[in-house]
Amino acid sequence: MVDIINYETLLITGKAQTEPQRFLFVFLKTSLPTDHEGDEEQRFQSGQGGVLQPLMCVDKPLDELTDFVDLVKESDAMGQDWQIVLVACLSGLGGVMPSSTETELQLKMMVQRVENGGDLSRYLAFNKAGTLVQFSE
């Protein structure tokens, strides 16, 4: 088993699966809440804290993914200034890719989890430089 330490190892892990994989991406903007208090602004400026806001989402089969640089280029072409991307994978069954209905449902659940301030630890998260991001309470 490969430890996922970056986007490349994520793709390697996906390719090692026996069933087809569909990758789900939710691109997020970080912002400082208008009602912030105390040292929140200083923490935010240093890259900690803030509020996550979904900007856009997309799903892609594994065979359409190349590297993180291409993912950034493609997302930048959409004109949204994102800072973090959440990634999840949906596994097919019996050699069949997950349906568009199932995919859409899972993307909506990811977006709702962000909007509701839910636990994001089940997802991988990368900043725009391609570094894995860890969320803490």
C-alpha atoms as a PDB file:
ATOM      1  CA  MET A   1       0.000   0.000   0.000  1.00  0.00           C
ATOM      2  CA  VAL A   2       1.260   3.456  -0.943  1.00  0.00           C
ATOM      3  CA  ASP A   3       1.108   6.274   1.600  1.00  0.00           C
ATOM      4  CA  ILE A   4      -0.533   9.296   0.019  1.00  0.00           C
ATOM      5  CA  ILE A   5       1.932  12.115   0.550  1.00  0.00           C
ATOM      6  CA  ASN A   6       1.103  14.243  -2.505  1.00  0.00           C
ATOM      7  CA  TYR A   7      -1.133  14.396  -5.569  1.00  0.00           C
ATOM      8  CA  GLU A   8       1.100  12.037  -7.547  1.00  0.00           C
ATOM      9  CA  THR A   9       0.837   9.285  -4.936  1.00  0.00           C
ATOM     10  CA  LEU A  10      -2.933   9.845  -4.833  1.00  0.00           C
ATOM     11  CA  LEU A  11      -3.104   9.077  -8.559  1.00  0.00           C
ATOM     12  CA  ILE A  12      -0.802   6.067  -8.142  1.00  0.00           C
ATOM     13  CA  THR A  13      -3.100   4.736  -5.426  1.00  0.00           C
ATOM     14  CA  GLY A  14      -6.130   5.285  -7.657  1.00  0.00           C
ATOM     15  CA  LYS A  15      -4.495   3.393 -10.526  1.00  0.00           C
ATOM     16  CA  ALA A  16      -3.770   0.465  -8.198  1.00  0.00           C
ATOM     17  CA  GLN A  17      -7.484  -0.042  -7.473  1.00  0.00           C
ATOM     18  CA  THR A  18      -9.281  -2.898  -9.210  1.00  0.00           C
ATOM     19  CA  GLU A  19     -12.462  -0.888  -9.803  1.00  0.00           C
ATOM     20  CA  PRO A  20     -12.704   2.316 -11.882  1.00  0.00           C
ATOM     21  CA  GLN A  21     -12.209   5.492  -9.867  1.00  0.00           C
ATOM     22  CA  ARG A  22     -13.963   8.846 -10.183  1.00  0.00           C
ATOM     23  CA  PHE A  23     -12.254  11.716  -8.399  1.00  0.00           C
ATOM     24  CA  LEU A  24     -14.333  14.474  -6.804  1.00  0.00           C
ATOM     25  CA  PHE A  25     -12.887  17.956  -6.357  1.00  0.00           C
ATOM     26  CA  VAL A  26     -14.351  20.847  -4.367  1.00  0.00           C
ATOM     27  CA  PHE A  27     -12.363  24.069  -4.704  1.00  0.00           C
ATOM     28  CA  LEU A  28     -12.438  26.344  -1.667  1.00  0.00           C
ATOM     29  CA  LYS A  29     -11.724  29.946  -0.853  1.00  0.00           C
ATOM     30  CA  THR A  30     -10.492  30.884   2.600  1.00  0.00           C
ATOM     31  CA  SER A  31     -11.641  34.133   4.162  1.00  0.00           C
ATOM     32  CA  LEU A  32     -11.599  35.933   7.466  1.00  0.00           C
ATOM     33  CA  PRO A  33     -15.061  36.152   9.046  1.00  0.00           C
ATOM     34  CA  THR A  34     -16.414  39.696   9.308  1.00  0.00           C
ATOM     35  CA  ASP A  35     -17.110  39.139  13.011  1.00  0.00           C
ATOM     36  CA  HIS A  36     -13.571  37.932  13.774  1.00  0.00           C
ATOM     37  CA  GLU A  37     -12.141  38.538  17.225  1.00  0.00           C
ATOM     38  CA  GLY A  38      -8.804  38.888  18.977  1.00  0.00           C
ATOM     39  CA  ASP A  39      -5.887  37.260  17.227  1.00  0.00           C
ATOM     40  CA  GLU A  40      -7.990  35.645  14.473  1.00  0.00           C
ATOM     41  CA  GLU A  41      -6.734  38.096  11.838  1.00  0.00           C
ATOM     42  CA  GLN A  42      -3.098  37.456  12.731  1.00  0.00           C
ATOM     43  CA  ARG A  43      -3.668  33.679  12.633  1.00  0.00           C
ATOM     44  CA  PHE A  44      -5.463  33.999   9.289  1.00  0.00           C
ATOM     45  CA  GLN A  45      -2.629  36.059   7.808  1.00  0.00           C
ATOM     46  CA  SER A  46      -0.202  33.293   8.841  1.00  0.00           C
ATOM     47  CA  GLY A  47      -2.309  30.689   7.002  1.00  0.00           C
ATOM     48  CA  GLN A  48      -4.351  29.355   9.912  1.00  0.00           C
ATOM     49  CA  GLY A  49      -8.033  29.623  10.713  1.00  0.00           C
ATOM     50  CA  GLY A  50     -10.621  31.465   8.704  1.00  0.00           C
ATOM     51  CA  VAL A  51     -13.769  30.270   6.995  1.00  0.00           C
ATOM     52  CA  LEU A  52     -13.896  27.887   4.035  1.00  0.00           C
ATOM     53  CA  GLN A  53     -16.257  28.707   1.197  1.00  0.00           C
ATOM     54  CA  PRO A  54     -16.946  26.348  -1.742  1.00  0.00           C
ATOM     55  CA  LEU A  55     -16.391  28.035  -5.104  1.00  0.00           C
ATOM     56  CA  MET A  56     -16.767  25.231  -7.625  1.00  0.00           C
ATOM     57  CA  CYS A  57     -16.717  21.464  -7.901  1.00  0.00           C
ATOM     58  CA  VAL A  58     -15.931  18.943 -10.590  1.00  0.00           C
ATOM     59  CA  ASP A  59     -15.624  15.210 -11.021  1.00  0.00           C
ATOM     60  CA  LYS A  60     -13.149  13.432 -13.265  1.00  0.00           C
ATOM     61  CA  PRO A  61     -12.398   9.828 -14.070  1.00  0.00           C
ATOM     62  CA  LEU A  62      -8.859   8.813 -13.196  1.00  0.00           C
ATOM     63  CA  ASP A  63      -7.821   8.512 -16.843  1.00  0.00           C
ATOM     64  CA  GLU A  64      -8.460  12.258 -17.345  1.00  0.00           C
ATOM     65  CA  LEU A  65      -6.069  13.269 -14.558  1.00  0.00           C
ATOM     66  CA  THR A  66      -2.387  13.961 -15.168  1.00  0.00           C
ATOM     67  CA  ASP A  67      -0.621  16.035 -12.546  1.00  0.00           C
ATOM     68  CA  PHE A  68      -1.358  18.772 -10.035  1.00  0.00           C
ATOM     69  CA  VAL A  69       0.003  21.527 -12.293  1.00  0.00           C
ATOM     70  CA  ASP A  70      -2.590  20.616 -14.938  1.00  0.00           C
ATOM     71  CA  LEU A  71      -5.358  20.546 -12.321  1.00  0.00           C
ATOM     72  CA  VAL A  72      -4.393  24.065 -11.212  1.00  0.00           C
ATOM     73  CA  LYS A  73      -4.230  25.327 -14.816  1.00  0.00           C
ATOM     74  CA  GLU A  74      -7.638  23.876 -15.637  1.00  0.00           C
ATOM     75  CA  SER A  75      -9.215  25.279 -12.477  1.00  0.00           C
ATOM     76  CA  ASP A  76      -7.606  28.700 -12.984  1.00  0.00           C
ATOM     77  CA  ALA A  77      -9.197  28.829 -16.437  1.00  0.00           C
ATOM     78  CA  MET A  78     -12.560  28.898 -14.635  1.00  0.00           C
ATOM     79  CA  GLY A  79     -11.653  32.292 -13.159  1.00  0.00           C
ATOM     80  CA  GLN A  80     -12.094  31.365  -9.493  1.00  0.00           C
ATOM     81  CA  ASP A  81      -9.371  32.284  -6.998  1.00  0.00           C
ATOM     82  CA  TRP A  82      -9.215  29.205  -4.777  1.00  0.00           C
ATOM     83  CA  GLN A  83      -6.764  28.344  -2.011  1.00  0.00           C
ATOM     84  CA  ILE A  84      -7.617  24.731  -1.080  1.00  0.00           C
ATOM     85  CA  VAL A  85      -9.061  21.805  -3.003  1.00  0.00           C
ATOM     86  CA  LEU A  86     -10.800  18.916  -1.258  1.00  0.00           C
ATOM     87  CA  VAL A  87     -10.456  15.555  -2.981  1.00  0.00           C
ATOM     88  CA  ALA A  88     -12.474  12.372  -2.601  1.00  0.00           C
ATOM     89  CA  CYS A  89     -12.710   9.224  -4.712  1.00  0.00           C
ATOM     90  CA  LEU A  90     -15.739   7.203  -5.676  1.00  0.00           C
ATOM     91  CA  SER A  91     -15.090   3.612  -6.578  1.00  0.00           C
ATOM     92  CA  GLY A  92     -17.061   1.894  -9.292  1.00  0.00           C
ATOM     93  CA  LEU A  93     -18.530  -1.567  -8.990  1.00  0.00           C
ATOM     94  CA  GLY A  94     -18.178  -4.519 -11.337  1.00  0.00           C
ATOM     95  CA  GLY A  95     -15.972  -2.516 -13.678  1.00  0.00           C
ATOM     96  CA  VAL A  96     -18.609   0.213 -14.060  1.00  0.00           C
ATOM     97  CA  MET A  97     -17.838   3.833 -13.190  1.00  0.00           C
ATOM     98  CA  PRO A  98     -20.067   5.428 -10.494  1.00  0.00           C
ATOM     99  CA  SER A  99     -23.213   6.961 -11.993  1.00  0.00           C
ATOM    100  CA  SER A 100     -23.599  10.685 -12.555  1.00  0.00           C
ATOM    101  CA  THR A 101     -26.442  10.690 -10.000  1.00  0.00           C
ATOM    102  CA  GLU A 102     -24.247   9.110  -7.322  1.00  0.00           C
ATOM    103  CA  THR A 103     -21.372  11.430  -8.223  1.00  0.00           C
ATOM    104  CA  GLU A 104     -23.556  14.539  -8.020  1.00  0.00           C
ATOM    105  CA  LEU A 105     -24.945  13.432  -4.654  1.00  0.00           C
ATOM    106  CA  GLN A 106     -21.455  12.937  -3.225  1.00  0.00           C
ATOM    107  CA  LEU A 107     -20.276  16.334  -4.519  1.00  0.00           C
ATOM    108  CA  LYS A 108     -23.324  18.000  -2.927  1.00  0.00           C
ATOM    109  CA  MET A 109     -22.557  16.245   0.362  1.00  0.00           C
ATOM    110  CA  MET A 110     -18.960  17.509   0.243  1.00  0.00           C
ATOM    111  CA  VAL A 111     -20.145  21.075  -0.392  1.00  0.00           C
ATOM    112  CA  GLN A 112     -22.731  20.857   2.410  1.00  0.00           C
ATOM    113  CA  ARG A 113     -20.123  19.536   4.831  1.00  0.00           C
ATOM    114  CA  VAL A 114     -17.949  22.593   4.082  1.00  0.00           C
ATOM    115  CA  GLU A 115     -20.869  25.032   4.317  1.00  0.00           C
ATOM    116  CA  ASN A 116     -22.006  23.537   7.633  1.00  0.00           C
ATOM    117  CA  GLY A 117     -18.525  23.556   9.154  1.00  0.00           C
ATOM    118  CA  GLY A 118     -18.473  19.761   9.272  1.00  0.00           C
ATOM    119  CA  ASP A 119     -15.549  17.395   9.716  1.00  0.00           C
ATOM    120  CA  LEU A 120     -13.380  17.422   6.592  1.00  0.00           C
ATOM    121  CA  SER A 121     -10.868  14.839   7.801  1.00  0.00           C
ATOM    122  CA  ARG A 122     -12.345  12.161   5.511  1.00  0.00           C
ATOM    123  CA  TYR A 123     -11.086  14.103   2.487  1.00  0.00           C
ATOM    124  CA  LEU A 124      -7.629  14.858   1.217  1.00  0.00           C
ATOM    125  CA  ALA A 125      -6.924  18.560   0.910  1.00  0.00           C
ATOM    126  CA  PHE A 126      -4.215  20.317  -1.059  1.00  0.00           C
ATOM    127  CA  ASN A 127      -3.250  23.964  -1.197  1.00  0.00           C
ATOM    128  CA  LYS A 128      -2.590  25.591  -4.556  1.00  0.00           C
ATOM    129  CA  ALA A 129       1.106  24.673  -4.334  1.00  0.00           C
ATOM    130  CA  GLY A 130       0.130  20.994  -4.131  1.00  0.00           C
ATOM    131  CA  THR A 131       1.003  20.544  -0.461  1.00  0.00           C
ATOM    132  CA  LEU A 132      -1.263  18.350   1.653  1.00  0.00           C
ATOM    133  CA  VAL A 133      -3.272  20.384   4.167  1.00  0.00           C
ATOM    134  CA  GLN A 134      -4.385  19.109   7.572  1.00  0.00           C
ATOM    135  CA  PHE A 135      -7.465  20.583   9.237  1.00  0.00           C
ATOM    136  CA  SER A 136      -7.659  21.029  12.992  1.00  0.00           C
ATOM    137  CA  GLU A 137     -10.466  22.088  15.303  1.00  0.00           C
END
